[in-house]
Amino acid sequence: SQALAAIQTTLRKLSSDSAFKKTTVTVGTPLLLDEALDLYQVRIRVRGSYISDSALLFVARVEDFRPTLSIENMSMAVVPSRTPGHNRFNADILAYVIESSVTSD
């Protein structure tokens, strides 16, 4: 749906703006939380490589984003290398969408 595509585009832009490299953004299947409200929860996985403090910039941008995105879990690994940009970032982010058409195209 348009809502899921917008969420994926937003997270791709946030990761790009944070100077992530080799980023993948995978959107999961929407889970209906409240039928009366048409409230869905969607898990998005973001994986990428980062340099310096760019991962912290990404986290700050996700936390400040409206409507609400929430980091469910996250890991950052510093990989010693002569070439910068090999540090790994993994995050599961939850998005909440109120839209009856979230599961249809």
PDB file of N, CA and C in Angstrom:
ATOM      1  N   SER A   1       0.826  -1.186   0.000  1.00  0.00           N
ATOM      2  CA  SER A   1       0.000   0.000   0.000  1.00  0.00           C
ATOM      3  C   SER A   1       0.870   1.248   0.000  1.00  0.00           C
ATOM      4  N   GLN A   2       0.252   2.369  -0.155  1.00  0.00           N
ATOM      5  CA  GLN A   2       0.966   3.642  -0.171  1.00  0.00           C
ATOM      6  C   GLN A   2       1.622   3.945   1.169  1.00  0.00           C
ATOM      7  N   ALA A   3       0.958   3.585   2.261  1.00  0.00           N
ATOM      8  CA  ALA A   3       1.514   3.854   3.590  1.00  0.00           C
ATOM      9  C   ALA A   3       2.806   3.080   3.808  1.00  0.00           C
ATOM     10  N   LEU A   4       2.828   1.811   3.414  1.00  0.00           N
ATOM     11  CA  LEU A   4       4.034   0.993   3.581  1.00  0.00           C
ATOM     12  C   LEU A   4       5.160   1.501   2.698  1.00  0.00           C
ATOM     13  N   ALA A   5       4.841   1.889   1.475  1.00  0.00           N
ATOM     14  CA  ALA A   5       5.859   2.433   0.572  1.00  0.00           C
ATOM     15  C   ALA A   5       6.429   3.738   1.121  1.00  0.00           C
ATOM     16  N   ALA A   6       5.564   4.560   1.710  1.00  0.00           N
ATOM     17  CA  ALA A   6       6.022   5.825   2.288  1.00  0.00           C
ATOM     18  C   ALA A   6       6.956   5.589   3.475  1.00  0.00           C
ATOM     19  N   ILE A   7       6.641   4.601   4.296  1.00  0.00           N
ATOM     20  CA  ILE A   7       7.495   4.275   5.440  1.00  0.00           C
ATOM     21  C   ILE A   7       8.858   3.794   4.951  1.00  0.00           C
ATOM     22  N   GLN A   8       8.855   2.906   3.963  1.00  0.00           N
ATOM     23  CA  GLN A   8      10.112   2.388   3.420  1.00  0.00           C
ATOM     24  C   GLN A   8      10.942   3.521   2.804  1.00  0.00           C
ATOM     25  N   THR A   9      10.299   4.388   2.050  1.00  0.00           N
ATOM     26  CA  THR A   9      10.996   5.521   1.439  1.00  0.00           C
ATOM     27  C   THR A   9      11.581   6.438   2.507  1.00  0.00           C
ATOM     28  N   THR A  10      10.813   6.694   3.548  1.00  0.00           N
ATOM     29  CA  THR A  10      11.278   7.549   4.641  1.00  0.00           C
ATOM     30  C   THR A  10      12.515   6.966   5.300  1.00  0.00           C
ATOM     31  N   LEU A  11      12.500   5.671   5.602  1.00  0.00           N
ATOM     32  CA  LEU A  11      13.652   5.065   6.268  1.00  0.00           C
ATOM     33  C   LEU A  11      14.861   4.999   5.340  1.00  0.00           C
ATOM     34  N   ARG A  12      14.646   4.788   4.061  1.00  0.00           N
ATOM     35  CA  ARG A  12      15.764   4.851   3.102  1.00  0.00           C
ATOM     36  C   ARG A  12      16.370   6.255   3.086  1.00  0.00           C
ATOM     37  N   LYS A  13      15.512   7.275   3.096  1.00  0.00           N
ATOM     38  CA  LYS A  13      16.011   8.648   3.089  1.00  0.00           C
ATOM     39  C   LYS A  13      16.746   8.976   4.385  1.00  0.00           C
ATOM     40  N   LEU A  14      16.198   8.574   5.523  1.00  0.00           N
ATOM     41  CA  LEU A  14      16.865   8.829   6.797  1.00  0.00           C
ATOM     42  C   LEU A  14      18.235   8.159   6.850  1.00  0.00           C
ATOM     43  N   SER A  15      18.331   6.931   6.340  1.00  0.00           N
ATOM     44  CA  SER A  15      19.622   6.245   6.344  1.00  0.00           C
ATOM     45  C   SER A  15      20.589   6.900   5.360  1.00  0.00           C
ATOM     46  N   SER A  16      20.098   7.315   4.211  1.00  0.00           N
ATOM     47  CA  SER A  16      20.949   8.003   3.233  1.00  0.00           C
ATOM     48  C   SER A  16      21.433   9.344   3.780  1.00  0.00           C
ATOM     49  N   ASP A  17      20.529  10.099   4.402  1.00  0.00           N
ATOM     50  CA  ASP A  17      20.887  11.387   4.997  1.00  0.00           C
ATOM     51  C   ASP A  17      21.884  11.228   6.139  1.00  0.00           C
ATOM     52  N   SER A  18      21.927  10.039   6.737  1.00  0.00           N
ATOM     53  CA  SER A  18      22.851   9.761   7.837  1.00  0.00           C
ATOM     54  C   SER A  18      24.159   9.147   7.337  1.00  0.00           C
ATOM     55  N   ALA A  19      24.351   9.123   6.026  1.00  0.00           N
ATOM     56  CA  ALA A  19      25.576   8.638   5.381  1.00  0.00           C
ATOM     57  C   ALA A  19      25.802   7.139   5.552  1.00  0.00           C
ATOM     58  N   PHE A  20      24.729   6.380   5.677  1.00  0.00           N
ATOM     59  CA  PHE A  20      24.865   4.924   5.694  1.00  0.00           C
ATOM     60  C   PHE A  20      25.285   4.449   4.309  1.00  0.00           C
ATOM     61  N   LYS A  21      25.978   3.346   4.275  1.00  0.00           N
ATOM     62  CA  LYS A  21      26.383   2.712   3.022  1.00  0.00           C
ATOM     63  C   LYS A  21      25.751   1.331   2.951  1.00  0.00           C
ATOM     64  N   LYS A  22      25.495   0.857   1.759  1.00  0.00           N
ATOM     65  CA  LYS A  22      24.973  -0.502   1.540  1.00  0.00           C
ATOM     66  C   LYS A  22      23.754  -0.782   2.415  1.00  0.00           C
ATOM     67  N   THR A  23      22.809   0.116   2.406  1.00  0.00           N
ATOM     68  CA  THR A  23      21.632   0.003   3.261  1.00  0.00           C
ATOM     69  C   THR A  23      20.562  -0.871   2.629  1.00  0.00           C
ATOM     70  N   THR A  24      19.948  -1.721   3.453  1.00  0.00           N
ATOM     71  CA  THR A  24      18.749  -2.441   3.035  1.00  0.00           C
ATOM     72  C   THR A  24      17.631  -2.104   4.020  1.00  0.00           C
ATOM     73  N   VAL A  25      16.438  -1.901   3.474  1.00  0.00           N
ATOM     74  CA  VAL A  25      15.261  -1.619   4.282  1.00  0.00           C
ATOM     75  C   VAL A  25      14.206  -2.629   3.874  1.00  0.00           C
ATOM     76  N   THR A  26      13.811  -3.477   4.822  1.00  0.00           N
ATOM     77  CA  THR A  26      12.842  -4.530   4.541  1.00  0.00           C
ATOM     78  C   THR A  26      11.597  -4.307   5.394  1.00  0.00           C
ATOM     79  N   VAL A  27      10.457  -4.183   4.720  1.00  0.00           N
ATOM     80  CA  VAL A  27       9.191  -3.944   5.406  1.00  0.00           C
ATOM     81  C   VAL A  27       8.476  -5.276   5.605  1.00  0.00           C
ATOM     82  N   GLY A  28       8.052  -5.540   6.829  1.00  0.00           N
ATOM     83  CA  GLY A  28       7.340  -6.772   7.148  1.00  0.00           C
ATOM     84  C   GLY A  28       5.862  -6.688   6.823  1.00  0.00           C
ATOM     85  N   THR A  29       5.162  -7.715   7.190  1.00  0.00           N
ATOM     86  CA  THR A  29       3.717  -7.788   6.976  1.00  0.00           C
ATOM     87  C   THR A  29       3.000  -7.015   8.083  1.00  0.00           C
ATOM     88  N   PRO A  30       2.056  -6.160   7.720  1.00  0.00           N
ATOM     89  CA  PRO A  30       1.309  -5.406   8.733  1.00  0.00           C
ATOM     90  C   PRO A  30       0.533  -6.345   9.659  1.00  0.00           C
ATOM     91  N   LEU A  31       0.542  -6.026  10.935  1.00  0.00           N
ATOM     92  CA  LEU A  31      -0.181  -6.785  11.952  1.00  0.00           C
ATOM     93  C   LEU A  31      -1.304  -5.900  12.487  1.00  0.00           C
ATOM     94  N   LEU A  32      -2.531  -6.361  12.355  1.00  0.00           N
ATOM     95  CA  LEU A  32      -3.676  -5.595  12.845  1.00  0.00           C
ATOM     96  C   LEU A  32      -3.682  -5.617  14.372  1.00  0.00           C
ATOM     97  N   LEU A  33      -3.608  -4.442  14.978  1.00  0.00           N
ATOM     98  CA  LEU A  33      -3.622  -4.335  16.439  1.00  0.00           C
ATOM     99  C   LEU A  33      -5.009  -4.017  16.981  1.00  0.00           C
ATOM    100  N   ASP A  34      -5.756  -3.189  16.246  1.00  0.00           N
ATOM    101  CA  ASP A  34      -7.080  -2.783  16.699  1.00  0.00           C
ATOM    102  C   ASP A  34      -7.975  -2.595  15.482  1.00  0.00           C
ATOM    103  N   GLU A  35      -8.913  -3.513  15.296  1.00  0.00           N
ATOM    104  CA  GLU A  35      -9.780  -3.485  14.118  1.00  0.00           C
ATOM    105  C   GLU A  35     -10.676  -2.248  14.094  1.00  0.00           C
ATOM    106  N   ALA A  36     -11.171  -1.845  15.249  1.00  0.00           N
ATOM    107  CA  ALA A  36     -12.067  -0.686  15.308  1.00  0.00           C
ATOM    108  C   ALA A  36     -11.360   0.596  14.864  1.00  0.00           C
ATOM    109  N   LEU A  37     -10.078   0.702  15.158  1.00  0.00           N
ATOM    110  CA  LEU A  37      -9.309   1.889  14.786  1.00  0.00           C
ATOM    111  C   LEU A  37      -8.572   1.729  13.461  1.00  0.00           C
ATOM    112  N   ASP A  38      -8.603   0.523  12.892  1.00  0.00           N
ATOM    113  CA  ASP A  38      -7.785   0.209  11.714  1.00  0.00           C
ATOM    114  C   ASP A  38      -6.314   0.489  12.002  1.00  0.00           C
ATOM    115  N   LEU A  39      -5.874   0.099  13.196  1.00  0.00           N
ATOM    116  CA  LEU A  39      -4.503   0.349  13.634  1.00  0.00           C
ATOM    117  C   LEU A  39      -3.631  -0.862  13.341  1.00  0.00           C
ATOM    118  N   TYR A  40      -2.561  -0.625  12.603  1.00  0.00           N
ATOM    119  CA  TYR A  40      -1.621  -1.679  12.227  1.00  0.00           C
ATOM    120  C   TYR A  40      -0.238  -1.368  12.778  1.00  0.00           C
ATOM    121  N   GLN A  41       0.486  -2.431  13.065  1.00  0.00           N
ATOM    122  CA  GLN A  41       1.895  -2.323  13.437  1.00  0.00           C
ATOM    123  C   GLN A  41       2.700  -2.999  12.333  1.00  0.00           C
ATOM    124  N   VAL A  42       3.757  -2.342  11.905  1.00  0.00           N
ATOM    125  CA  VAL A  42       4.618  -2.883  10.862  1.00  0.00           C
ATOM    126  C   VAL A  42       6.058  -2.860  11.355  1.00  0.00           C
ATOM    127  N   ARG A  43       6.750  -3.978  11.227  1.00  0.00           N
ATOM    128  CA  ARG A  43       8.161  -4.061  11.605  1.00  0.00           C
ATOM    129  C   ARG A  43       9.002  -3.840  10.349  1.00  0.00           C
ATOM    130  N   ILE A  44       9.981  -2.971  10.464  1.00  0.00           N
ATOM    131  CA  ILE A  44      10.885  -2.671   9.367  1.00  0.00           C
ATOM    132  C   ILE A  44      12.303  -2.975   9.834  1.00  0.00           C
ATOM    133  N   ARG A  45      13.032  -3.716   9.021  1.00  0.00           N
ATOM    134  CA  ARG A  45      14.435  -4.006   9.349  1.00  0.00           C
ATOM    135  C   ARG A  45      15.335  -3.124   8.513  1.00  0.00           C
ATOM    136  N   VAL A  46      16.256  -2.463   9.173  1.00  0.00           N
ATOM    137  CA  VAL A  46      17.226  -1.610   8.496  1.00  0.00           C
ATOM    138  C   VAL A  46      18.612  -2.168   8.795  1.00  0.00           C
ATOM    139  N   ARG A  47      19.350  -2.430   7.734  1.00  0.00           N
ATOM    140  CA  ARG A  47      20.711  -2.945   7.845  1.00  0.00           C
ATOM    141  C   ARG A  47      21.612  -2.057   7.003  1.00  0.00           C
ATOM    142  N   GLY A  48      22.798  -1.791   7.495  1.00  0.00           N
ATOM    143  CA  GLY A  48      23.713  -0.978   6.706  1.00  0.00           C
ATOM    144  C   GLY A  48      25.079  -0.894   7.333  1.00  0.00           C
ATOM    145  N   SER A  49      25.951  -0.209   6.643  1.00  0.00           N
ATOM    146  CA  SER A  49      27.296   0.075   7.130  1.00  0.00           C
ATOM    147  C   SER A  49      27.369   1.563   7.432  1.00  0.00           C
ATOM    148  N   TYR A  50      28.184   1.897   8.418  1.00  0.00           N
ATOM    149  CA  TYR A  50      28.267   3.305   8.791  1.00  0.00           C
ATOM    150  C   TYR A  50      29.700   3.695   9.107  1.00  0.00           C
ATOM    151  N   ILE A  51      29.906   5.006   9.109  1.00  0.00           N
ATOM    152  CA  ILE A  51      31.198   5.592   9.432  1.00  0.00           C
ATOM    153  C   ILE A  51      30.989   6.525  10.624  1.00  0.00           C
ATOM    154  N   SER A  52      31.921   6.499  11.549  1.00  0.00           N
ATOM    155  CA  SER A  52      31.945   7.455  12.645  1.00  0.00           C
ATOM    156  C   SER A  52      30.626   7.477  13.418  1.00  0.00           C
ATOM    157  N   ASP A  53      30.024   8.652  13.578  1.00  0.00           N
ATOM    158  CA  ASP A  53      28.806   8.808  14.372  1.00  0.00           C
ATOM    159  C   ASP A  53      27.530   8.787  13.538  1.00  0.00           C
ATOM    160  N   SER A  54      27.605   8.356  12.276  1.00  0.00           N
ATOM    161  CA  SER A  54      26.421   8.410  11.419  1.00  0.00           C
ATOM    162  C   SER A  54      25.287   7.535  11.934  1.00  0.00           C
ATOM    163  N   ALA A  55      25.596   6.443  12.629  1.00  0.00           N
ATOM    164  CA  ALA A  55      24.544   5.586  13.186  1.00  0.00           C
ATOM    165  C   ALA A  55      23.777   6.322  14.277  1.00  0.00           C
ATOM    166  N   LEU A  56      24.478   7.114  15.065  1.00  0.00           N
ATOM    167  CA  LEU A  56      23.804   7.887  16.112  1.00  0.00           C
ATOM    168  C   LEU A  56      22.913   8.966  15.506  1.00  0.00           C
ATOM    169  N   LEU A  57      23.333   9.539  14.393  1.00  0.00           N
ATOM    170  CA  LEU A  57      22.514  10.512  13.686  1.00  0.00           C
ATOM    171  C   LEU A  57      21.231   9.853  13.175  1.00  0.00           C
ATOM    172  N   PHE A  58      21.343   8.645  12.642  1.00  0.00           N
ATOM    173  CA  PHE A  58      20.172   7.914  12.163  1.00  0.00           C
ATOM    174  C   PHE A  58      19.193   7.653  13.308  1.00  0.00           C
ATOM    175  N   VAL A  59      19.705   7.193  14.444  1.00  0.00           N
ATOM    176  CA  VAL A  59      18.847   6.918  15.602  1.00  0.00           C
ATOM    177  C   VAL A  59      18.117   8.189  16.030  1.00  0.00           C
ATOM    178  N   ALA A  60      18.815   9.297  16.092  1.00  0.00           N
ATOM    179  CA  ALA A  60      18.192  10.562  16.486  1.00  0.00           C
ATOM    180  C   ALA A  60      17.088  10.957  15.507  1.00  0.00           C
ATOM    181  N   ARG A  61      17.328  10.766  14.222  1.00  0.00           N
ATOM    182  CA  ARG A  61      16.319  11.129  13.218  1.00  0.00           C
ATOM    183  C   ARG A  61      15.097  10.223  13.285  1.00  0.00           C
ATOM    184  N   VAL A  62      15.301   8.952  13.571  1.00  0.00           N
ATOM    185  CA  VAL A  62      14.164   8.036  13.723  1.00  0.00           C
ATOM    186  C   VAL A  62      13.340   8.428  14.944  1.00  0.00           C
ATOM    187  N   GLU A  63      14.010   8.708  16.043  1.00  0.00           N
ATOM    188  CA  GLU A  63      13.305   9.063  17.274  1.00  0.00           C
ATOM    189  C   GLU A  63      12.546  10.380  17.148  1.00  0.00           C
ATOM    190  N   ASP A  64      13.045  11.300  16.320  1.00  0.00           N
ATOM    191  CA  ASP A  64      12.395  12.601  16.143  1.00  0.00           C
ATOM    192  C   ASP A  64      11.314  12.585  15.072  1.00  0.00           C
ATOM    193  N   PHE A  65      11.210  11.494  14.309  1.00  0.00           N
ATOM    194  CA  PHE A  65      10.300  11.451  13.170  1.00  0.00           C
ATOM    195  C   PHE A  65       8.850  11.409  13.627  1.00  0.00           C
ATOM    196  N   ARG A  66       7.993  12.134  12.905  1.00  0.00           N
ATOM    197  CA  ARG A  66       6.554  12.097  13.130  1.00  0.00           C
ATOM    198  C   ARG A  66       5.877  11.781  11.816  1.00  0.00           C
ATOM    199  N   PRO A  67       4.924  10.860  11.718  1.00  0.00           N
ATOM    200  CA  PRO A  67       4.339  10.082  12.805  1.00  0.00           C
ATOM    201  C   PRO A  67       5.361   9.144  13.429  1.00  0.00           C
ATOM    202  N   THR A  68       4.985   8.528  14.496  1.00  0.00           N
ATOM    203  CA  THR A  68       5.900   7.809  15.347  1.00  0.00           C
ATOM    204  C   THR A  68       6.502   6.565  14.706  1.00  0.00           C
ATOM    205  N   LEU A  69       7.814   6.502  14.781  1.00  0.00           N
ATOM    206  CA  LEU A  69       8.580   5.296  14.509  1.00  0.00           C
ATOM    207  C   LEU A  69       9.278   4.965  15.820  1.00  0.00           C
ATOM    208  N   SER A  70       9.398   3.704  16.139  1.00  0.00           N
ATOM    209  CA  SER A  70      10.001   3.299  17.399  1.00  0.00           C
ATOM    210  C   SER A  70      11.045   2.225  17.145  1.00  0.00           C
ATOM    211  N   ILE A  71      12.236   2.401  17.697  1.00  0.00           N
ATOM    212  CA  ILE A  71      13.275   1.385  17.557  1.00  0.00           C
ATOM    213  C   ILE A  71      13.005   0.289  18.569  1.00  0.00           C
ATOM    214  N   GLU A  72      12.716  -0.905  18.060  1.00  0.00           N
ATOM    215  CA  GLU A  72      12.425  -2.049  18.921  1.00  0.00           C
ATOM    216  C   GLU A  72      13.720  -2.653  19.462  1.00  0.00           C
ATOM    217  N   ASN A  73      14.679  -2.869  18.591  1.00  0.00           N
ATOM    218  CA  ASN A  73      15.999  -3.312  19.016  1.00  0.00           C
ATOM    219  C   ASN A  73      17.018  -2.867  17.988  1.00  0.00           C
ATOM    220  N   MET A  74      18.274  -2.816  18.428  1.00  0.00           N
ATOM    221  CA  MET A  74      19.314  -2.274  17.576  1.00  0.00           C
ATOM    222  C   MET A  74      20.655  -2.847  17.990  1.00  0.00           C
ATOM    223  N   SER A  75      21.529  -3.026  17.016  1.00  0.00           N
ATOM    224  CA  SER A  75      22.910  -3.398  17.328  1.00  0.00           C
ATOM    225  C   SER A  75      23.840  -2.624  16.408  1.00  0.00           C
ATOM    226  N   MET A  76      24.977  -2.264  16.962  1.00  0.00           N
ATOM    227  CA  MET A  76      26.013  -1.580  16.199  1.00  0.00           C
ATOM    228  C   MET A  76      27.311  -2.313  16.483  1.00  0.00           C
ATOM    229  N   ALA A  77      28.063  -2.602  15.423  1.00  0.00           N
ATOM    230  CA  ALA A  77      29.334  -3.298  15.595  1.00  0.00           C
ATOM    231  C   ALA A  77      30.431  -2.520  14.891  1.00  0.00           C
ATOM    232  N   VAL A  78      31.502  -2.229  15.621  1.00  0.00           N
ATOM    233  CA  VAL A  78      32.656  -1.574  15.032  1.00  0.00           C
ATOM    234  C   VAL A  78      33.564  -2.672  14.497  1.00  0.00           C
ATOM    235  N   VAL A  79      33.859  -2.588  13.207  1.00  0.00           N
ATOM    236  CA  VAL A  79      34.687  -3.582  12.543  1.00  0.00           C
ATOM    237  C   VAL A  79      36.019  -2.930  12.207  1.00  0.00           C
ATOM    238  N   PRO A  80      37.092  -3.365  12.886  1.00  0.00           N
ATOM    239  CA  PRO A  80      38.404  -2.778  12.589  1.00  0.00           C
ATOM    240  C   PRO A  80      38.781  -3.027  11.127  1.00  0.00           C
ATOM    241  N   SER A  81      39.139  -1.951  10.444  1.00  0.00           N
ATOM    242  CA  SER A  81      39.479  -2.057   9.037  1.00  0.00           C
ATOM    243  C   SER A  81      40.276  -0.835   8.621  1.00  0.00           C
ATOM    244  N   ARG A  82      41.099  -1.003   7.619  1.00  0.00           N
ATOM    245  CA  ARG A  82      41.830   0.143   7.088  1.00  0.00           C
ATOM    246  C   ARG A  82      40.917   1.020   6.239  1.00  0.00           C
ATOM    247  N   THR A  83      39.847   0.432   5.724  1.00  0.00           N
ATOM    248  CA  THR A  83      38.892   1.165   4.903  1.00  0.00           C
ATOM    249  C   THR A  83      37.696   1.551   5.756  1.00  0.00           C
ATOM    250  N   PRO A  84      37.378   2.850   5.849  1.00  0.00           N
ATOM    251  CA  PRO A  84      36.221   3.256   6.663  1.00  0.00           C
ATOM    252  C   PRO A  84      34.904   2.783   6.041  1.00  0.00           C
ATOM    253  N   GLY A  85      33.895   2.671   6.878  1.00  0.00           N
ATOM    254  CA  GLY A  85      32.571   2.325   6.392  1.00  0.00           C
ATOM    255  C   GLY A  85      32.216   0.866   6.507  1.00  0.00           C
ATOM    256  N   HIS A  86      32.979   0.108   7.277  1.00  0.00           N
ATOM    257  CA  HIS A  86      32.687  -1.315   7.433  1.00  0.00           C
ATOM    258  C   HIS A  86      31.970  -1.629   8.747  1.00  0.00           C
ATOM    259  N   ASN A  87      31.710  -0.618   9.556  1.00  0.00           N
ATOM    260  CA  ASN A  87      30.958  -0.826  10.792  1.00  0.00           C
ATOM    261  C   ASN A  87      29.531  -1.227  10.430  1.00  0.00           C
ATOM    262  N   ARG A  88      28.964  -2.133  11.219  1.00  0.00           N
ATOM    263  CA  ARG A  88      27.640  -2.663  10.886  1.00  0.00           C
ATOM    264  C   ARG A  88      26.573  -2.110  11.822  1.00  0.00           C
ATOM    265  N   PHE A  89      25.401  -1.838  11.223  1.00  0.00           N
ATOM    266  CA  PHE A  89      24.248  -1.330  11.947  1.00  0.00           C
ATOM    267  C   PHE A  89      23.046  -2.189  11.598  1.00  0.00           C
ATOM    268  N   ASN A  90      22.311  -2.638  12.608  1.00  0.00           N
ATOM    269  CA  ASN A  90      21.092  -3.422  12.417  1.00  0.00           C
ATOM    270  C   ASN A  90      20.033  -2.872  13.367  1.00  0.00           C
ATOM    271  N   ALA A  91      18.834  -2.665  12.846  1.00  0.00           N
ATOM    272  CA  ALA A  91      17.752  -2.178  13.698  1.00  0.00           C
ATOM    273  C   ALA A  91      16.421  -2.742  13.233  1.00  0.00           C
ATOM    274  N   ASP A  92      15.581  -3.074  14.185  1.00  0.00           N
ATOM    275  CA  ASP A  92      14.185  -3.401  13.932  1.00  0.00           C
ATOM    276  C   ASP A  92      13.387  -2.205  14.417  1.00  0.00           C
ATOM    277  N   ILE A  93      12.637  -1.617  13.509  1.00  0.00           N
ATOM    278  CA  ILE A  93      11.879  -0.408  13.799  1.00  0.00           C
ATOM    279  C   ILE A  93      10.396  -0.723  13.651  1.00  0.00           C
ATOM    280  N   LEU A  94       9.613  -0.240  14.590  1.00  0.00           N
ATOM    281  CA  LEU A  94       8.161  -0.427  14.532  1.00  0.00           C
ATOM    282  C   LEU A  94       7.503   0.861  14.070  1.00  0.00           C
ATOM    283  N   ALA A  95       6.583   0.712  13.131  1.00  0.00           N
ATOM    284  CA  ALA A  95       5.777   1.836  12.667  1.00  0.00           C
ATOM    285  C   ALA A  95       4.326   1.507  12.951  1.00  0.00           C
ATOM    286  N   TYR A  96       3.563   2.496  13.308  1.00  0.00           N
ATOM    287  CA  TYR A  96       2.142   2.321  13.587  1.00  0.00           C
ATOM    288  C   TYR A  96       1.353   3.131  12.563  1.00  0.00           C
ATOM    289  N   VAL A  97       0.428   2.462  11.901  1.00  0.00           N
ATOM    290  CA  VAL A  97      -0.323   3.075  10.820  1.00  0.00           C
ATOM    291  C   VAL A  97      -1.809   2.898  11.078  1.00  0.00           C
ATOM    292  N   ILE A  98      -2.559   3.977  10.955  1.00  0.00           N
ATOM    293  CA  ILE A  98      -4.021   3.898  11.019  1.00  0.00           C
ATOM    294  C   ILE A  98      -4.509   4.089   9.595  1.00  0.00           C
ATOM    295  N   GLU A  99      -4.885   2.964   8.999  1.00  0.00           N
ATOM    296  CA  GLU A  99      -5.331   3.013   7.605  1.00  0.00           C
ATOM    297  C   GLU A  99      -5.959   1.676   7.240  1.00  0.00           C
ATOM    298  N   SER A 100      -7.187   1.700   6.826  1.00  0.00           N
ATOM    299  CA  SER A 100      -7.862   0.449   6.495  1.00  0.00           C
ATOM    300  C   SER A 100      -7.313  -0.185   5.234  1.00  0.00           C
ATOM    301  N   SER A 101      -6.634   0.576   4.391  1.00  0.00           N
ATOM    302  CA  SER A 101      -6.121   0.020   3.140  1.00  0.00           C
ATOM    303  C   SER A 101      -4.667  -0.422   3.233  1.00  0.00           C
ATOM    304  N   VAL A 102      -4.115  -0.516   4.443  1.00  0.00           N
ATOM    305  CA  VAL A 102      -2.680  -0.829   4.593  1.00  0.00           C
ATOM    306  C   VAL A 102      -2.330  -2.200   4.014  1.00  0.00           C
ATOM    307  N   THR A 103      -3.271  -3.119   3.980  1.00  0.00           N
ATOM    308  CA  THR A 103      -2.970  -4.459   3.478  1.00  0.00           C
ATOM    309  C   THR A 103      -3.371  -4.653   2.024  1.00  0.00           C
ATOM    310  N   SER A 104      -3.944  -3.637   1.412  1.00  0.00           N
ATOM    311  CA  SER A 104      -4.338  -3.791   0.006  1.00  0.00           C
ATOM    312  C   SER A 104      -3.555  -2.824  -0.858  1.00  0.00           C
ATOM    313  N   ASP A 105      -3.433  -3.149  -2.153  1.00  0.00           N
ATOM    314  CA  ASP A 105      -2.691  -2.279  -3.081  1.00  0.00           C
ATOM    315  C   ASP A 105      -3.623  -1.370  -3.837  1.00  0.00           C
TER     316      ASP A 105
END
